[in-house]
Each structure stands twice: as C-alpha cells, then as structure tokens.
Amino acid sequence: MTKFWWYALLMAALGMGMNAAVVGQAADNAASGTAAQDGAAKDKSADKNKDQGKARVGGLVIEPTELPQTYPQGAYQVQFQGSGDYVPVLRWRVESGALPPGIKLEDNGLLHGAAERAGEFQFVVSVRDGDQPQQAVQRGFTIKVVEAITVAWKVPAHVTGNRIDGSVEVSNTTADDMDLTFEVKAVAENGRATEIGYQRFPLKRGTVGMLLPFGETLPHGAYEVYVDVNGEVAKRNAIYKQEMKTPVALQVVVGP
C-alpha cells in the first residue's frame, strides 16, 4: 500500500513537469513565430519604400531636348512628351521668353504653327504632372527660323573694261520646290536701269549654293548694281524675297 502511494505520487510529479515543459515550448514557439512575422512585414515594407525611392530617382523629364529649325511660312509641329516617373495628366506652357510669331504651344504639349519671320527665338517650357504635390520641370529651348532662300556674292560685281560682271550663290533651305526669278540691274546716276542678268527656273528644295552669274557691256558712267531674288511656292501661296546691292557705285570708264 505504501509503495503504491509513493509510486503514484512520483508519476504525478513527473507528468506535471512534462506538461509544463510542453506548454513552455509552445509559448516560446508562438513568440518566435510572431517575431518572425513582424520582422518579415518590416522587411517587406522597407523593400517597398526602397523600390518607390528608386522609381522617383529619374523624376519627370521633358523630351525632346532640342527643337528643329524652320523657315518663314513653313509648317511646324513638335509634340512635347514627358518621360521618367510622373503621374498623368501633363500640362504644358511657356514659362518665359518668346516663341516665333505664328507658332504657339498648346496645353497638351503640341507646339505648332508657321513662323512669320526669320530669327532666333529663345524660351523656357514648363510642365506639371497630376501628382500631389505636383512635379514641375522646366527646360530652355531655341528655335531658329532661317531665311527660306539665301543669296550671297560669289564674285562681287566689278568692272572689267566696259563691262560689269559678277556672280551670286542661291540656296533653298525649305522643304518645297519653288519657282525662282533672278534679276540683276545696273542703275546709272540718271536713274536709268539696264538689265545685266536674268533667269527663271525651278529651284529644288534643299539646293545649296547654286551659282548664278551675270554681266553686260555698259556705256561710260557710274552704276549701282541691284540683285533681286524671288522664290514662289504656289501651293502655299508663299513668296520669299532677297535683295542685295553694291556698297558703292561702280565706274565704267571705257567706252563712248
């Protein structure tokens, strides 16, 4: 009887100890699992923030970075676009400077029109996106509006005996073929004009430095030489003009 009582008491004690160990181990496992989950969540959140930070590194960028040149009355169209990280919709405007007269920038970034005159025009374009707060970016641009036709002395007008001779170079910088009229006149002191050069022909688009000579025998006297070049593009009802003259009168001393 006594032995049985001590044996039962011993087994009960052992059972309580084992249960306590199991409960303790389970609690430790639960605590470790919760800590691991919290750590994983924190790591995931950090990775997300890190990725977002990388996405914002580039920011909003204006494209293109340069603009093509044009010529008076020539159709012009460029679409500004944004690249990099931004939130649509983009809004565009000219922040400062001036566009060529005849060309305008729409709110959607479309730059279009037809320049009215030659020149070099500098301006700053700004764009804002739909983020909160908004991203705002600016970039400076230049549009060169070149003359549609150019004329320059190749051999300046000069006197040889009783003649005035010379030559010019003519270029067509447009994207159109044009009907070119080339006239050279020598104007005497009394106002009488003598034609010493004339041509009319199609001047092809992109022609550079076409040589046009002139010359004629003239009576004794002093003459100013005038060069007139007119280019017509009928399909666009456009006419381009260039003029030159000698800086001083030329003296023809040989002859009657």
Protein backbone atom coordinates (compact mmCIF):
# COMPACT_ATOMS: atom_id res chain seq x y z
CA MET A 1 0.00 0.00 0.00
CA THR A 2 2.74 2.41 0.94
CA LYS A 3 4.82 1.57 -2.09
CA PHE A 4 1.92 2.11 -4.42
CA TRP A 5 1.20 5.54 -2.91
CA TRP A 6 4.78 6.70 -3.39
CA TYR A 7 4.82 5.40 -6.95
CA ALA A 8 1.62 7.26 -7.84
CA LEU A 9 2.93 10.46 -6.29
CA LEU A 10 6.16 10.17 -8.27
CA MET A 11 4.36 9.67 -11.63
CA ALA A 12 2.07 12.63 -10.98
CA ALA A 13 5.03 14.86 -10.32
CA LEU A 14 6.74 13.71 -13.46
CA GLY A 15 3.58 14.30 -15.52
CA MET A 16 3.20 17.87 -14.27
CA GLY A 17 6.79 18.63 -15.14
CA MET A 18 6.43 17.33 -18.68
CA ASN A 19 3.21 19.30 -19.27
CA ALA A 20 4.85 22.45 -18.05
CA ALA A 21 7.78 21.90 -20.41
CA VAL A 22 5.44 21.33 -23.34
CA VAL A 23 3.43 24.44 -22.55
CA GLY A 24 6.62 26.46 -22.18
CA GLN A 25 7.98 25.22 -25.51
CA ALA A 26 4.70 26.04 -27.27
CA ALA A 27 4.74 29.56 -25.85
CA ASP A 28 8.32 30.02 -26.96
CA ASN A 29 7.44 28.79 -30.47
CA ALA A 30 4.44 31.13 -30.68
CA ALA A 31 6.53 34.09 -29.58
CA SER A 32 9.23 33.24 -32.10
CA GLY A 33 6.65 32.94 -34.91
CA THR A 34 5.10 36.32 -34.11
CA ALA A 35 8.53 37.95 -34.02
CA ALA A 36 9.44 36.38 -37.36
CA GLN A 37 6.19 37.59 -38.93
CA ASP A 38 6.74 41.12 -37.61
CA GLY A 39 10.30 41.09 -38.96
CA ALA A 40 9.18 39.88 -42.38
CA ALA A 41 6.49 42.58 -42.55
CA LYS A 42 9.01 45.24 -41.64
CA ASP A 43 11.46 43.96 -44.25
CA LYS A 44 8.71 43.91 -46.91
CA SER A 45 7.67 47.47 -46.05
CA ALA A 46 11.29 48.62 -46.19
CA ASP A 47 11.77 46.94 -49.57
CA LYS A 48 8.62 48.61 -50.88
CA ASN A 49 9.76 52.03 -49.72
CA LYS A 50 13.19 51.36 -51.19
CA ASP A 51 11.66 50.43 -54.57
CA GLN A 52 9.48 53.53 -54.53
CA GLY A 53 12.53 55.61 -53.81
CA LYS A 54 14.32 54.10 -56.80
CA ALA A 55 11.31 54.85 -59.07
CA ARG A 56 11.46 58.53 -58.17
CA VAL A 57 15.16 58.92 -58.86
CA GLY A 58 14.67 59.87 -62.54
CA GLY A 59 11.68 62.13 -61.97
CA LEU A 60 9.83 63.87 -64.79
CA VAL A 61 11.92 64.68 -67.89
CA ILE A 62 10.95 66.85 -70.88
CA GLU A 63 11.51 65.43 -74.36
CA PRO A 64 12.76 66.24 -76.95
CA THR A 65 15.78 68.12 -75.63
CA GLU A 66 16.29 70.17 -78.83
CA LEU A 67 13.94 71.58 -81.46
CA PRO A 68 14.32 71.53 -85.26
CA GLN A 69 14.78 74.76 -87.19
CA THR A 70 12.18 76.09 -89.58
CA TYR A 71 11.68 78.89 -92.11
CA PRO A 72 9.07 81.64 -92.59
CA GLN A 73 5.61 80.33 -93.54
CA GLY A 74 6.80 76.73 -93.23
CA ALA A 75 4.50 74.27 -91.40
CA TYR A 76 5.94 73.43 -87.97
CA GLN A 77 4.83 70.77 -85.48
CA VAL A 78 6.55 69.16 -82.49
CA GLN A 79 4.88 67.15 -79.71
CA PHE A 80 6.46 67.61 -76.29
CA GLN A 81 6.37 64.49 -74.11
CA GLY A 82 7.30 63.51 -70.58
CA SER A 83 9.45 60.56 -69.61
CA GLY A 84 10.60 59.08 -66.31
CA ASP A 85 8.39 58.82 -63.22
CA TYR A 86 5.32 61.05 -63.26
CA VAL A 87 1.56 60.99 -62.75
CA PRO A 88 -0.65 61.87 -65.76
CA VAL A 89 -2.06 64.25 -66.97
CA LEU A 90 0.76 66.62 -68.04
CA ARG A 91 0.10 70.35 -68.50
CA TRP A 92 2.45 72.48 -70.61
CA ARG A 93 3.09 76.19 -71.02
CA VAL A 94 5.73 78.77 -71.99
CA GLU A 95 7.22 79.99 -68.74
CA SER A 96 9.37 82.81 -70.14
CA GLY A 97 10.90 84.10 -73.35
CA ALA A 98 9.04 84.22 -76.66
CA LEU A 99 8.03 81.77 -79.36
CA PRO A 100 8.44 82.75 -83.01
CA PRO A 101 5.40 84.80 -84.06
CA GLY A 102 2.95 82.42 -85.71
CA ILE A 103 3.90 79.40 -83.52
CA LYS A 104 2.11 78.51 -80.27
CA LEU A 105 2.25 75.87 -77.52
CA GLU A 106 -0.98 74.09 -76.56
CA ASP A 107 -1.78 72.90 -73.02
CA ASN A 108 -1.28 69.29 -74.17
CA GLY A 109 2.31 69.96 -75.30
CA LEU A 110 1.69 70.39 -79.04
CA LEU A 111 3.99 73.08 -80.49
CA HIS A 112 2.72 74.10 -83.91
CA GLY A 113 2.08 76.83 -86.46
CA ALA A 114 4.07 78.66 -89.13
CA ALA A 115 6.73 81.24 -88.27
CA GLU A 116 6.09 84.68 -89.69
CA ARG A 117 9.69 85.87 -89.87
CA ALA A 118 13.28 84.75 -89.62
CA GLY A 119 15.22 84.99 -86.38
CA GLU A 120 16.45 83.07 -83.34
CA PHE A 121 13.88 82.70 -80.56
CA GLN A 122 14.67 81.52 -77.02
CA PHE A 123 12.08 80.47 -74.45
CA VAL A 124 11.50 78.23 -71.41
CA VAL A 125 8.88 75.47 -71.39
CA SER A 126 7.42 74.19 -68.11
CA VAL A 127 5.37 71.05 -67.42
CA ARG A 128 3.40 69.89 -64.36
CA ASP A 129 2.04 66.44 -63.68
CA GLY A 130 -1.02 65.24 -61.76
CA ASP A 131 0.81 64.13 -58.60
CA GLN A 132 0.15 65.54 -55.13
CA PRO A 133 2.28 67.51 -54.66
CA GLN A 134 2.85 68.22 -58.34
CA GLN A 135 6.16 67.76 -60.05
CA ALA A 136 7.14 70.88 -62.01
CA VAL A 137 10.00 70.79 -64.52
CA GLN A 138 11.44 73.44 -66.85
CA ARG A 139 13.75 73.33 -69.88
CA GLY A 140 15.10 76.06 -72.13
CA PHE A 141 14.77 75.83 -75.92
CA THR A 142 15.79 77.72 -79.05
CA ILE A 143 14.01 77.75 -82.41
CA LYS A 144 15.99 79.06 -85.36
CA VAL A 145 13.83 80.43 -88.15
CA VAL A 146 16.17 80.66 -91.15
CA GLU A 147 15.55 82.54 -94.36
CA ALA A 148 13.72 80.40 -96.92
CA ILE A 149 16.11 81.48 -99.64
CA THR A 150 19.55 82.96 -99.18
CA VAL A 151 21.70 84.87 -101.65
CA ALA A 152 25.36 85.84 -101.27
CA TRP A 153 28.08 87.23 -103.50
CA LYS A 154 30.27 84.55 -105.05
CA VAL A 155 32.20 87.04 -107.20
CA PRO A 156 31.14 90.56 -106.22
CA ALA A 157 30.03 92.86 -109.05
CA HIS A 158 33.07 94.52 -110.61
CA VAL A 159 34.12 96.46 -113.68
CA THR A 160 36.21 94.88 -116.43
CA GLY A 161 36.81 97.36 -119.25
CA ASN A 162 33.34 98.46 -120.34
CA ARG A 163 31.52 95.57 -118.58
CA ILE A 164 30.13 94.87 -115.15
CA ASP A 165 30.30 91.19 -114.22
CA GLY A 166 29.87 89.03 -111.13
CA SER A 167 28.04 86.05 -109.68
CA VAL A 168 25.96 85.04 -106.65
CA GLU A 169 25.12 81.81 -104.81
CA VAL A 170 21.49 80.98 -104.09
CA SER A 171 20.19 78.37 -101.62
CA ASN A 172 16.72 76.97 -100.94
CA THR A 173 16.50 75.96 -97.26
CA THR A 174 12.83 74.96 -97.38
CA ALA A 175 11.13 71.60 -97.87
CA ASP A 176 9.43 72.91 -101.04
CA ASP A 177 10.46 73.33 -104.65
CA MET A 178 9.98 76.94 -105.70
CA ASP A 179 9.73 78.98 -108.87
CA LEU A 180 12.78 81.25 -108.72
CA THR A 181 13.20 84.57 -110.52
CA PHE A 182 16.71 86.04 -110.54
CA GLU A 183 17.21 89.63 -111.78
CA VAL A 184 20.26 91.90 -111.77
CA LYS A 185 20.08 95.56 -112.78
CA ALA A 186 22.72 98.24 -113.14
CA VAL A 187 21.22 101.65 -112.27
CA ALA A 188 23.01 104.73 -113.66
CA GLU A 189 23.28 108.11 -111.95
CA ASN A 190 20.36 109.43 -114.01
CA GLY A 191 18.13 106.56 -112.78
CA ARG A 192 18.20 104.54 -116.00
CA ALA A 193 18.25 100.81 -115.25
CA THR A 194 19.90 98.24 -117.51
CA GLU A 195 19.26 94.55 -117.01
CA ILE A 196 22.57 92.70 -116.77
CA GLY A 197 21.26 89.33 -115.56
CA TYR A 198 18.01 87.39 -115.64
CA GLN A 199 16.97 83.76 -115.03
CA ARG A 200 13.75 81.98 -114.13
CA PHE A 201 13.70 78.31 -113.24
CA PRO A 202 12.52 75.76 -110.59
CA LEU A 203 14.82 75.84 -107.57
CA LYS A 204 14.65 72.42 -105.94
CA ARG A 205 14.23 72.06 -102.20
CA GLY A 206 17.46 71.66 -100.29
CA THR A 207 19.53 73.32 -103.04
CA VAL A 208 22.68 74.82 -101.55
CA GLY A 209 24.99 77.36 -103.20
CA MET A 210 23.65 77.32 -106.79
CA LEU A 211 25.92 79.57 -108.86
CA LEU A 212 24.19 82.31 -110.89
CA PRO A 213 26.48 84.54 -112.99
CA PHE A 214 25.61 87.91 -114.54
CA GLY A 215 27.29 90.53 -116.71
CA GLU A 216 26.78 93.04 -119.54
CA THR A 217 28.56 95.74 -121.53
CA LEU A 218 27.57 99.25 -120.40
CA PRO A 219 28.12 102.86 -121.51
CA HIS A 220 30.52 105.13 -119.65
CA GLY A 221 29.16 106.13 -116.24
CA ALA A 222 28.67 105.21 -112.58
CA TYR A 223 26.35 102.32 -111.70
CA GLU A 224 24.86 100.76 -108.62
CA VAL A 225 24.11 97.06 -109.07
CA TYR A 226 20.92 95.57 -107.57
CA VAL A 227 20.28 91.82 -107.21
CA ASP A 228 16.68 90.67 -106.65
CA VAL A 229 15.78 87.03 -105.96
CA ASN A 230 12.13 85.96 -105.61
CA GLY A 231 11.00 82.42 -104.82
CA GLU A 232 7.34 81.44 -105.11
CA VAL A 233 5.65 78.34 -103.68
CA ALA A 234 2.26 78.39 -105.39
CA LYS A 235 0.67 75.54 -103.41
CA ARG A 236 1.14 77.50 -100.18
CA ASN A 237 0.70 80.95 -101.70
CA ALA A 238 4.11 81.88 -100.30
CA ILE A 239 6.63 84.29 -101.81
CA TYR A 240 10.16 84.74 -100.49
CA LYS A 241 12.35 87.72 -101.40
CA GLN A 242 16.02 88.57 -101.01
CA GLU A 243 17.87 91.67 -102.21
CA MET A 244 21.47 92.85 -102.40
CA LYS A 245 23.27 95.87 -103.82
CA THR A 246 26.82 97.04 -104.27
CA PRO A 247 28.06 99.18 -101.35
CA VAL A 248 29.38 101.88 -103.74
CA ALA A 249 28.78 102.87 -107.34
CA LEU A 250 30.94 101.13 -109.97
CA GLN A 251 32.67 103.35 -112.56
CA VAL A 252 32.71 102.25 -116.19
CA VAL A 253 35.37 104.45 -117.76
CA VAL A 254 35.91 102.66 -121.07
CA GLY A 255 33.56 103.45 -123.94
CA PRO A 256 31.77 106.38 -125.52
